[in-house]
Amino acid sequence: MRTTYRAALRPLQPYEPPMRRAPIRYVHTGQLALDLHLTFGGRRPAAARPAPPPVPVLERRRLHDMLTVILEASTGHRQATQVRSLLDRELYRELMANPRTIGPRHALKSVHACQPAIDAIEACGRVHAGNRVMALVARFEEQAGQGWRCTLFSLLEPADRNRG
């Protein structure tokens, strides 16, 4: 036996909720909510301070390129004067004071970065030189009108495993 059902839609009755004319009172119930009409002791909260101008972001590719150039200068494969604009004055003095001997070419394989402050970036990376692997650490700071400058740069070699 076959049963056929007829479905039909019936129109709804028009309905509008009543308008509330009474002022809205807010009661703190311990629940977080977005409340645009908050007052604090009868006074409005002070206007928020304008946000500082945004600091230009140092993209990952640019960071990798800058670290590679500084690495080449610190290992003697590039003239130190070529990286003067990338380095802090004190770091540039250290680079010029240390004698550089050309050895195996160093290759920056990976870079990881974090931004601990709005105007600072700290980076670390893995450097290969022949059959040796070293760690690289660096810190860049945004200096007004001068862009990003490297303020710390160091190659960390592994401890000798044969020493006790």
N, C-alpha and C. Protein backbone atom coordinates (compact mmCIF):
# COMPACT_ATOMS: atom_id res chain seq x y z
N MET A 1 0.85 -1.16 0.00
CA MET A 1 0.00 0.00 0.00
C MET A 1 0.90 1.23 0.00
N ARG A 2 0.56 2.15 -0.79
CA ARG A 2 1.37 3.34 -0.97
C ARG A 2 0.63 4.53 -0.41
N THR A 3 1.34 5.30 0.45
CA THR A 3 0.72 6.49 1.04
C THR A 3 1.39 7.73 0.46
N THR A 4 0.62 8.67 0.08
CA THR A 4 1.14 9.91 -0.48
C THR A 4 0.84 11.03 0.49
N TYR A 5 1.87 11.82 0.75
CA TYR A 5 1.71 12.96 1.66
C TYR A 5 1.77 14.23 0.82
N ARG A 6 0.90 15.13 1.17
CA ARG A 6 0.93 16.43 0.52
C ARG A 6 1.50 17.43 1.49
N ALA A 7 2.56 18.01 1.08
CA ALA A 7 3.17 19.03 1.92
C ALA A 7 2.81 20.39 1.38
N ALA A 8 2.47 21.26 2.26
CA ALA A 8 2.13 22.61 1.84
C ALA A 8 2.69 23.59 2.86
N LEU A 9 3.13 24.72 2.39
CA LEU A 9 3.62 25.76 3.28
C LEU A 9 2.50 26.75 3.55
N ARG A 10 2.38 27.08 4.80
CA ARG A 10 1.37 28.07 5.15
C ARG A 10 2.08 29.37 5.50
N PRO A 11 1.59 30.50 5.12
CA PRO A 11 2.24 31.76 5.44
C PRO A 11 2.15 32.04 6.95
N LEU A 12 3.18 32.68 7.46
CA LEU A 12 3.21 33.04 8.87
C LEU A 12 2.42 34.32 9.09
N GLN A 13 1.94 34.45 10.30
CA GLN A 13 1.26 35.68 10.67
C GLN A 13 2.30 36.78 10.86
N PRO A 14 2.06 37.99 10.41
CA PRO A 14 3.02 39.07 10.62
C PRO A 14 3.22 39.31 12.12
N TYR A 15 4.49 39.53 12.50
CA TYR A 15 4.79 39.72 13.92
C TYR A 15 5.97 40.67 14.06
N GLU A 16 5.84 41.66 14.87
CA GLU A 16 6.91 42.58 15.21
C GLU A 16 6.99 42.62 16.73
N PRO A 17 8.18 42.44 17.31
CA PRO A 17 8.30 42.51 18.76
C PRO A 17 8.05 43.94 19.23
N PRO A 18 7.55 44.08 20.42
CA PRO A 18 7.29 45.44 20.92
C PRO A 18 8.62 46.20 21.12
N MET A 19 8.62 47.49 20.85
CA MET A 19 9.81 48.32 21.01
C MET A 19 9.98 48.67 22.49
N ARG A 20 11.21 48.61 22.98
CA ARG A 20 11.49 48.99 24.37
C ARG A 20 11.85 50.46 24.39
N ARG A 21 11.13 51.22 25.14
CA ARG A 21 11.39 52.65 25.25
C ARG A 21 12.15 52.99 26.53
N ALA A 22 12.19 52.07 27.47
CA ALA A 22 12.86 52.33 28.74
C ALA A 22 14.38 52.33 28.52
N PRO A 23 15.13 53.14 29.27
CA PRO A 23 16.59 53.13 29.12
C PRO A 23 17.16 51.78 29.54
N ILE A 24 18.21 51.40 28.88
CA ILE A 24 18.85 50.12 29.15
C ILE A 24 19.76 50.29 30.36
N ARG A 25 19.62 49.40 31.32
CA ARG A 25 20.48 49.40 32.50
C ARG A 25 21.36 48.17 32.43
N TYR A 26 22.63 48.39 32.70
CA TYR A 26 23.58 47.30 32.62
C TYR A 26 23.93 46.84 34.03
N VAL A 27 23.88 45.57 34.20
CA VAL A 27 24.21 44.98 35.49
C VAL A 27 25.39 44.05 35.28
N HIS A 28 26.39 44.20 36.13
CA HIS A 28 27.57 43.34 36.02
C HIS A 28 27.21 41.96 36.54
N THR A 29 27.29 40.99 35.64
CA THR A 29 26.95 39.62 36.03
C THR A 29 28.16 38.71 36.02
N GLY A 30 29.34 39.27 35.76
CA GLY A 30 30.54 38.45 35.73
C GLY A 30 30.81 37.85 34.37
N GLN A 31 29.96 38.12 33.41
CA GLN A 31 30.15 37.57 32.08
C GLN A 31 30.79 38.63 31.19
N LEU A 32 31.74 38.21 30.38
CA LEU A 32 32.37 39.14 29.46
C LEU A 32 31.43 39.42 28.30
N ALA A 33 31.29 40.69 27.97
CA ALA A 33 30.42 41.07 26.87
C ALA A 33 30.90 42.38 26.30
N LEU A 34 30.58 42.62 25.06
CA LEU A 34 30.89 43.89 24.43
C LEU A 34 29.80 44.87 24.80
N ASP A 35 30.16 45.92 25.52
CA ASP A 35 29.19 46.88 25.99
C ASP A 35 29.67 48.25 25.57
N LEU A 36 28.99 48.84 24.63
CA LEU A 36 29.43 50.11 24.10
C LEU A 36 28.93 51.31 24.89
N HIS A 37 28.09 51.09 25.89
CA HIS A 37 27.52 52.20 26.65
C HIS A 37 28.01 52.21 28.09
N LEU A 38 29.20 51.71 28.34
CA LEU A 38 29.71 51.67 29.70
C LEU A 38 30.04 53.06 30.21
N THR A 39 29.76 53.29 31.46
CA THR A 39 30.22 54.51 32.13
C THR A 39 30.93 54.09 33.39
N PHE A 40 31.88 54.88 33.82
CA PHE A 40 32.66 54.58 35.00
C PHE A 40 32.42 55.67 36.03
N GLY A 41 31.59 55.37 37.02
CA GLY A 41 31.30 56.35 38.07
C GLY A 41 30.67 57.62 37.52
N GLY A 42 29.84 57.50 36.53
CA GLY A 42 29.16 58.65 35.96
C GLY A 42 29.97 59.39 34.90
N ARG A 43 31.18 58.96 34.64
CA ARG A 43 31.99 59.63 33.62
C ARG A 43 32.36 58.63 32.53
N ARG A 44 32.60 59.14 31.37
CA ARG A 44 32.99 58.30 30.25
C ARG A 44 34.48 58.00 30.33
N PRO A 45 34.91 56.83 29.84
CA PRO A 45 36.35 56.55 29.84
C PRO A 45 37.10 57.50 28.91
N ALA A 46 38.34 57.76 29.25
CA ALA A 46 39.16 58.66 28.44
C ALA A 46 39.39 58.05 27.06
N ALA A 47 39.53 58.91 26.09
CA ALA A 47 39.77 58.42 24.73
C ALA A 47 41.12 57.73 24.69
N ALA A 48 41.19 56.69 23.91
CA ALA A 48 42.44 55.92 23.78
C ALA A 48 43.49 56.78 23.10
N ARG A 49 44.74 56.59 23.52
CA ARG A 49 45.84 57.31 22.88
C ARG A 49 46.01 56.80 21.46
N PRO A 50 46.40 57.70 20.56
CA PRO A 50 46.60 57.22 19.18
C PRO A 50 47.75 56.22 19.13
N ALA A 51 47.59 55.24 18.30
CA ALA A 51 48.61 54.19 18.18
C ALA A 51 49.87 54.79 17.56
N PRO A 52 51.04 54.29 17.98
CA PRO A 52 52.26 54.79 17.37
C PRO A 52 52.32 54.38 15.91
N PRO A 53 53.07 55.12 15.09
CA PRO A 53 53.14 54.74 13.68
C PRO A 53 53.72 53.34 13.54
N PRO A 54 53.21 52.56 12.60
CA PRO A 54 53.68 51.19 12.47
C PRO A 54 55.16 51.13 12.07
N VAL A 55 55.85 50.15 12.64
CA VAL A 55 57.25 49.93 12.31
C VAL A 55 57.29 49.05 11.08
N PRO A 56 58.12 49.37 10.10
CA PRO A 56 58.19 48.51 8.92
C PRO A 56 58.59 47.10 9.30
N VAL A 57 57.94 46.15 8.72
CA VAL A 57 58.22 44.75 9.03
C VAL A 57 59.43 44.29 8.23
N LEU A 58 60.26 43.50 8.86
CA LEU A 58 61.42 42.92 8.17
C LEU A 58 60.99 41.54 7.69
N GLU A 59 60.78 41.40 6.40
CA GLU A 59 60.30 40.14 5.84
C GLU A 59 61.36 39.05 6.00
N ARG A 60 60.89 37.81 6.04
CA ARG A 60 61.77 36.67 6.26
C ARG A 60 62.85 36.56 5.17
N ARG A 61 62.48 36.80 3.94
CA ARG A 61 63.46 36.71 2.84
C ARG A 61 64.53 37.78 2.98
N ARG A 62 64.11 39.01 3.32
CA ARG A 62 65.07 40.10 3.51
C ARG A 62 65.97 39.81 4.71
N LEU A 63 65.41 39.26 5.78
CA LEU A 63 66.20 38.89 6.95
C LEU A 63 67.26 37.86 6.57
N HIS A 64 66.87 36.85 5.80
CA HIS A 64 67.81 35.81 5.34
C HIS A 64 68.92 36.44 4.51
N ASP A 65 68.56 37.34 3.60
CA ASP A 65 69.57 37.99 2.76
C ASP A 65 70.54 38.84 3.59
N MET A 66 70.01 39.59 4.55
CA MET A 66 70.87 40.43 5.39
C MET A 66 71.82 39.57 6.21
N LEU A 67 71.32 38.48 6.79
CA LEU A 67 72.18 37.60 7.58
C LEU A 67 73.26 36.95 6.71
N THR A 68 72.91 36.59 5.49
CA THR A 68 73.88 35.98 4.58
C THR A 68 75.01 36.95 4.25
N VAL A 69 74.66 38.19 3.99
CA VAL A 69 75.66 39.21 3.65
C VAL A 69 76.58 39.47 4.86
N ILE A 70 75.99 39.58 6.05
CA ILE A 70 76.80 39.81 7.26
C ILE A 70 77.69 38.60 7.53
N LEU A 71 77.17 37.39 7.32
CA LEU A 71 77.95 36.17 7.50
C LEU A 71 79.14 36.14 6.54
N GLU A 72 78.91 36.50 5.29
CA GLU A 72 80.00 36.54 4.31
C GLU A 72 81.06 37.55 4.71
N ALA A 73 80.65 38.69 5.24
CA ALA A 73 81.62 39.71 5.66
C ALA A 73 82.39 39.24 6.89
N SER A 74 81.74 38.54 7.80
CA SER A 74 82.43 38.11 9.02
C SER A 74 83.37 36.94 8.76
N THR A 75 83.18 36.20 7.67
CA THR A 75 84.07 35.08 7.36
C THR A 75 85.10 35.42 6.29
N GLY A 76 85.11 36.66 5.81
CA GLY A 76 86.12 37.09 4.87
C GLY A 76 85.77 36.92 3.41
N HIS A 77 84.58 36.51 3.08
CA HIS A 77 84.18 36.33 1.68
C HIS A 77 83.57 37.59 1.08
N ARG A 78 83.47 38.65 1.87
CA ARG A 78 82.92 39.92 1.40
C ARG A 78 83.63 41.02 2.18
N GLN A 79 83.82 42.16 1.56
CA GLN A 79 84.47 43.27 2.25
C GLN A 79 83.55 43.80 3.34
N ALA A 80 84.11 44.09 4.49
CA ALA A 80 83.32 44.56 5.63
C ALA A 80 82.67 45.91 5.34
N THR A 81 83.27 46.71 4.50
CA THR A 81 82.69 48.02 4.19
C THR A 81 81.36 47.90 3.45
N GLN A 82 81.11 46.76 2.83
CA GLN A 82 79.85 46.56 2.11
C GLN A 82 78.65 46.38 3.04
N VAL A 83 78.91 46.01 4.29
CA VAL A 83 77.80 45.77 5.22
C VAL A 83 77.69 46.88 6.27
N ARG A 84 78.41 47.96 6.08
CA ARG A 84 78.41 49.03 7.08
C ARG A 84 77.01 49.57 7.34
N SER A 85 76.19 49.69 6.31
CA SER A 85 74.84 50.24 6.49
C SER A 85 73.91 49.27 7.21
N LEU A 86 74.28 48.00 7.31
CA LEU A 86 73.43 47.01 7.98
C LEU A 86 73.77 46.84 9.46
N LEU A 87 74.95 47.32 9.86
CA LEU A 87 75.43 47.07 11.21
C LEU A 87 75.36 48.30 12.09
N ASP A 88 75.17 48.04 13.37
CA ASP A 88 75.27 49.07 14.39
C ASP A 88 76.73 49.53 14.44
N ARG A 89 76.96 50.76 14.87
CA ARG A 89 78.31 51.32 14.88
C ARG A 89 79.29 50.45 15.68
N GLU A 90 78.89 49.99 16.85
CA GLU A 90 79.77 49.16 17.69
C GLU A 90 80.05 47.80 17.05
N LEU A 91 79.05 47.19 16.47
CA LEU A 91 79.25 45.90 15.81
C LEU A 91 80.16 46.04 14.59
N TYR A 92 80.05 47.15 13.88
CA TYR A 92 80.91 47.39 12.73
C TYR A 92 82.37 47.54 13.18
N ARG A 93 82.58 48.23 14.31
CA ARG A 93 83.95 48.36 14.85
C ARG A 93 84.52 46.99 15.19
N GLU A 94 83.73 46.13 15.81
CA GLU A 94 84.18 44.78 16.16
C GLU A 94 84.54 43.98 14.91
N LEU A 95 83.71 44.10 13.89
CA LEU A 95 83.96 43.38 12.64
C LEU A 95 85.26 43.84 11.99
N MET A 96 85.51 45.13 12.02
CA MET A 96 86.73 45.67 11.42
C MET A 96 87.98 45.31 12.25
N ALA A 97 87.81 45.16 13.56
CA ALA A 97 88.95 44.87 14.44
C ALA A 97 89.39 43.42 14.36
N ASN A 98 88.47 42.50 14.11
CA ASN A 98 88.80 41.07 14.06
C ASN A 98 89.39 40.71 12.69
N PRO A 99 90.56 40.08 12.69
CA PRO A 99 91.12 39.66 11.40
C PRO A 99 90.28 38.54 10.80
N ARG A 100 90.06 38.62 9.50
CA ARG A 100 89.25 37.61 8.82
C ARG A 100 90.14 36.82 7.88
N THR A 101 90.05 35.53 8.00
CA THR A 101 90.78 34.66 7.08
C THR A 101 89.78 33.89 6.26
N ILE A 102 90.06 33.76 5.00
CA ILE A 102 89.13 33.06 4.12
C ILE A 102 89.29 31.56 4.31
N GLY A 103 88.22 30.92 4.66
CA GLY A 103 88.19 29.48 4.83
C GLY A 103 87.10 28.91 3.94
N PRO A 104 86.50 27.82 4.36
CA PRO A 104 85.40 27.27 3.56
C PRO A 104 84.21 28.23 3.55
N ARG A 105 83.49 28.22 2.48
CA ARG A 105 82.31 29.10 2.37
C ARG A 105 81.24 28.64 3.35
N HIS A 106 80.66 29.61 4.04
CA HIS A 106 79.59 29.35 4.99
C HIS A 106 78.25 29.56 4.28
N ALA A 107 77.33 28.64 4.49
CA ALA A 107 76.00 28.74 3.86
C ALA A 107 74.94 28.74 4.94
N LEU A 108 74.10 29.76 4.93
CA LEU A 108 72.99 29.87 5.88
C LEU A 108 71.86 28.99 5.37
N LYS A 109 71.54 27.93 6.12
CA LYS A 109 70.55 26.95 5.66
C LYS A 109 69.14 27.25 6.16
N SER A 110 69.00 27.70 7.40
CA SER A 110 67.66 27.98 7.92
C SER A 110 67.71 29.19 8.83
N VAL A 111 66.59 29.89 8.89
CA VAL A 111 66.47 31.08 9.75
C VAL A 111 65.14 31.01 10.48
N HIS A 112 65.19 31.27 11.78
CA HIS A 112 63.99 31.37 12.60
C HIS A 112 64.04 32.72 13.29
N ALA A 113 62.92 33.41 13.38
CA ALA A 113 62.92 34.76 13.95
C ALA A 113 61.72 34.95 14.86
N CYS A 114 61.89 35.85 15.82
CA CYS A 114 60.78 36.27 16.67
C CYS A 114 60.91 37.76 16.90
N GLN A 115 59.84 38.39 17.32
CA GLN A 115 59.84 39.82 17.54
C GLN A 115 59.47 40.10 19.00
N PRO A 116 60.48 40.19 19.90
CA PRO A 116 60.20 40.40 21.32
C PRO A 116 59.69 41.80 21.64
N ALA A 117 59.96 42.75 20.78
CA ALA A 117 59.46 44.12 20.93
C ALA A 117 59.09 44.63 19.55
N ILE A 118 58.33 45.72 19.52
CA ILE A 118 57.86 46.22 18.23
C ILE A 118 59.01 46.70 17.35
N ASP A 119 60.11 47.08 17.97
CA ASP A 119 61.23 47.60 17.18
C ASP A 119 62.46 46.70 17.25
N ALA A 120 62.27 45.42 17.53
CA ALA A 120 63.40 44.49 17.61
C ALA A 120 63.01 43.13 17.04
N ILE A 121 63.97 42.51 16.37
CA ILE A 121 63.78 41.15 15.85
C ILE A 121 65.00 40.34 16.24
N GLU A 122 64.76 39.17 16.81
CA GLU A 122 65.85 38.27 17.16
C GLU A 122 65.77 37.06 16.24
N ALA A 123 66.92 36.66 15.72
CA ALA A 123 66.95 35.57 14.74
C ALA A 123 68.02 34.56 15.12
N CYS A 124 67.77 33.33 14.72
CA CYS A 124 68.79 32.28 14.86
C CYS A 124 68.75 31.46 13.58
N GLY A 125 69.85 30.81 13.30
CA GLY A 125 69.91 30.05 12.08
C GLY A 125 70.95 28.94 12.15
N ARG A 126 70.91 28.08 11.14
CA ARG A 126 71.85 26.96 11.03
C ARG A 126 72.78 27.25 9.86
N VAL A 127 74.08 27.19 10.13
CA VAL A 127 75.09 27.52 9.12
C VAL A 127 75.93 26.28 8.86
N HIS A 128 76.15 25.96 7.58
CA HIS A 128 76.99 24.84 7.19
C HIS A 128 78.27 25.40 6.58
N ALA A 129 79.41 24.85 6.99
CA ALA A 129 80.70 25.22 6.42
C ALA A 129 81.48 23.93 6.24
N GLY A 130 81.52 23.44 5.02
CA GLY A 130 82.16 22.15 4.77
C GLY A 130 81.38 21.05 5.48
N ASN A 131 82.05 20.31 6.37
CA ASN A 131 81.34 19.25 7.11
C ASN A 131 80.99 19.70 8.52
N ARG A 132 81.14 20.99 8.82
CA ARG A 132 80.80 21.54 10.14
C ARG A 132 79.44 22.21 10.10
N VAL A 133 78.75 22.15 11.22
CA VAL A 133 77.47 22.84 11.36
C VAL A 133 77.57 23.75 12.58
N MET A 134 77.14 25.00 12.41
CA MET A 134 77.21 25.99 13.49
C MET A 134 75.86 26.68 13.63
N ALA A 135 75.70 27.33 14.77
CA ALA A 135 74.49 28.12 15.01
C ALA A 135 74.84 29.59 14.83
N LEU A 136 73.88 30.35 14.37
CA LEU A 136 74.04 31.78 14.19
C LEU A 136 72.97 32.47 15.01
N VAL A 137 73.32 33.51 15.75
CA VAL A 137 72.33 34.31 16.48
C VAL A 137 72.54 35.77 16.10
N ALA A 138 71.44 36.51 16.01
CA ALA A 138 71.51 37.91 15.63
C ALA A 138 70.32 38.66 16.20
N ARG A 139 70.51 39.95 16.37
CA ARG A 139 69.42 40.82 16.82
C ARG A 139 69.44 42.07 15.93
N PHE A 140 68.26 42.42 15.44
CA PHE A 140 68.09 43.61 14.62
C PHE A 140 67.17 44.58 15.37
N GLU A 141 67.50 45.85 15.32
CA GLU A 141 66.67 46.88 15.94
C GLU A 141 66.35 47.94 14.91
N GLU A 142 65.12 48.43 14.94
CA GLU A 142 64.66 49.47 14.04
C GLU A 142 65.12 50.80 14.63
N GLN A 143 65.94 51.52 13.89
CA GLN A 143 66.43 52.81 14.36
C GLN A 143 65.80 53.90 13.51
N ALA A 144 65.26 54.90 14.18
CA ALA A 144 64.48 55.95 13.51
C ALA A 144 65.23 56.54 12.33
N GLY A 145 64.61 56.46 11.17
CA GLY A 145 65.16 57.05 9.97
C GLY A 145 66.29 56.26 9.32
N GLN A 146 66.78 55.22 9.97
CA GLN A 146 67.91 54.47 9.43
C GLN A 146 67.53 53.04 9.05
N GLY A 147 66.35 52.61 9.38
CA GLY A 147 65.92 51.25 9.06
C GLY A 147 66.44 50.24 10.07
N TRP A 148 66.43 48.99 9.69
CA TRP A 148 66.85 47.90 10.57
C TRP A 148 68.38 47.82 10.60
N ARG A 149 68.94 47.75 11.79
CA ARG A 149 70.38 47.61 11.99
C ARG A 149 70.65 46.40 12.86
N CYS A 150 71.67 45.64 12.50
CA CYS A 150 72.07 44.48 13.28
C CYS A 150 72.89 44.97 14.47
N THR A 151 72.45 44.63 15.68
CA THR A 151 73.15 45.06 16.89
C THR A 151 73.90 43.92 17.56
N LEU A 152 73.60 42.68 17.19
CA LEU A 152 74.30 41.52 17.74
C LEU A 152 74.40 40.47 16.65
N PHE A 153 75.58 39.92 16.47
CA PHE A 153 75.78 38.87 15.47
C PHE A 153 76.87 37.95 15.98
N SER A 154 76.58 36.66 16.04
CA SER A 154 77.57 35.72 16.55
C SER A 154 77.37 34.34 15.93
N LEU A 155 78.50 33.69 15.63
CA LEU A 155 78.49 32.30 15.19
C LEU A 155 78.89 31.44 16.38
N LEU A 156 78.09 30.46 16.69
CA LEU A 156 78.36 29.59 17.83
C LEU A 156 78.79 28.23 17.31
N GLU A 157 80.00 27.87 17.63
CA GLU A 157 80.52 26.57 17.19
C GLU A 157 80.23 25.53 18.27
N PRO A 158 80.00 24.28 17.87
CA PRO A 158 79.72 23.24 18.87
C PRO A 158 80.94 22.99 19.74
N ALA A 159 80.67 22.56 20.97
CA ALA A 159 81.76 22.22 21.89
C ALA A 159 82.47 20.98 21.37
N ASP A 160 83.77 20.90 21.63
CA ASP A 160 84.56 19.76 21.19
C ASP A 160 84.14 18.53 22.00
N ARG A 161 83.69 17.50 21.34
CA ARG A 161 83.20 16.30 22.02
C ARG A 161 84.32 15.47 22.64
N ASN A 162 85.55 15.65 22.15
CA ASN A 162 86.66 14.85 22.65
C ASN A 162 87.19 15.36 23.98
N ARG A 163 86.86 16.61 24.31
CA ARG A 163 87.32 17.14 25.59
C ARG A 163 86.42 16.64 26.70
N GLY A 164 86.99 16.41 27.86
CA GLY A 164 86.24 15.87 28.98
C GLY A 164 85.78 16.96 29.80
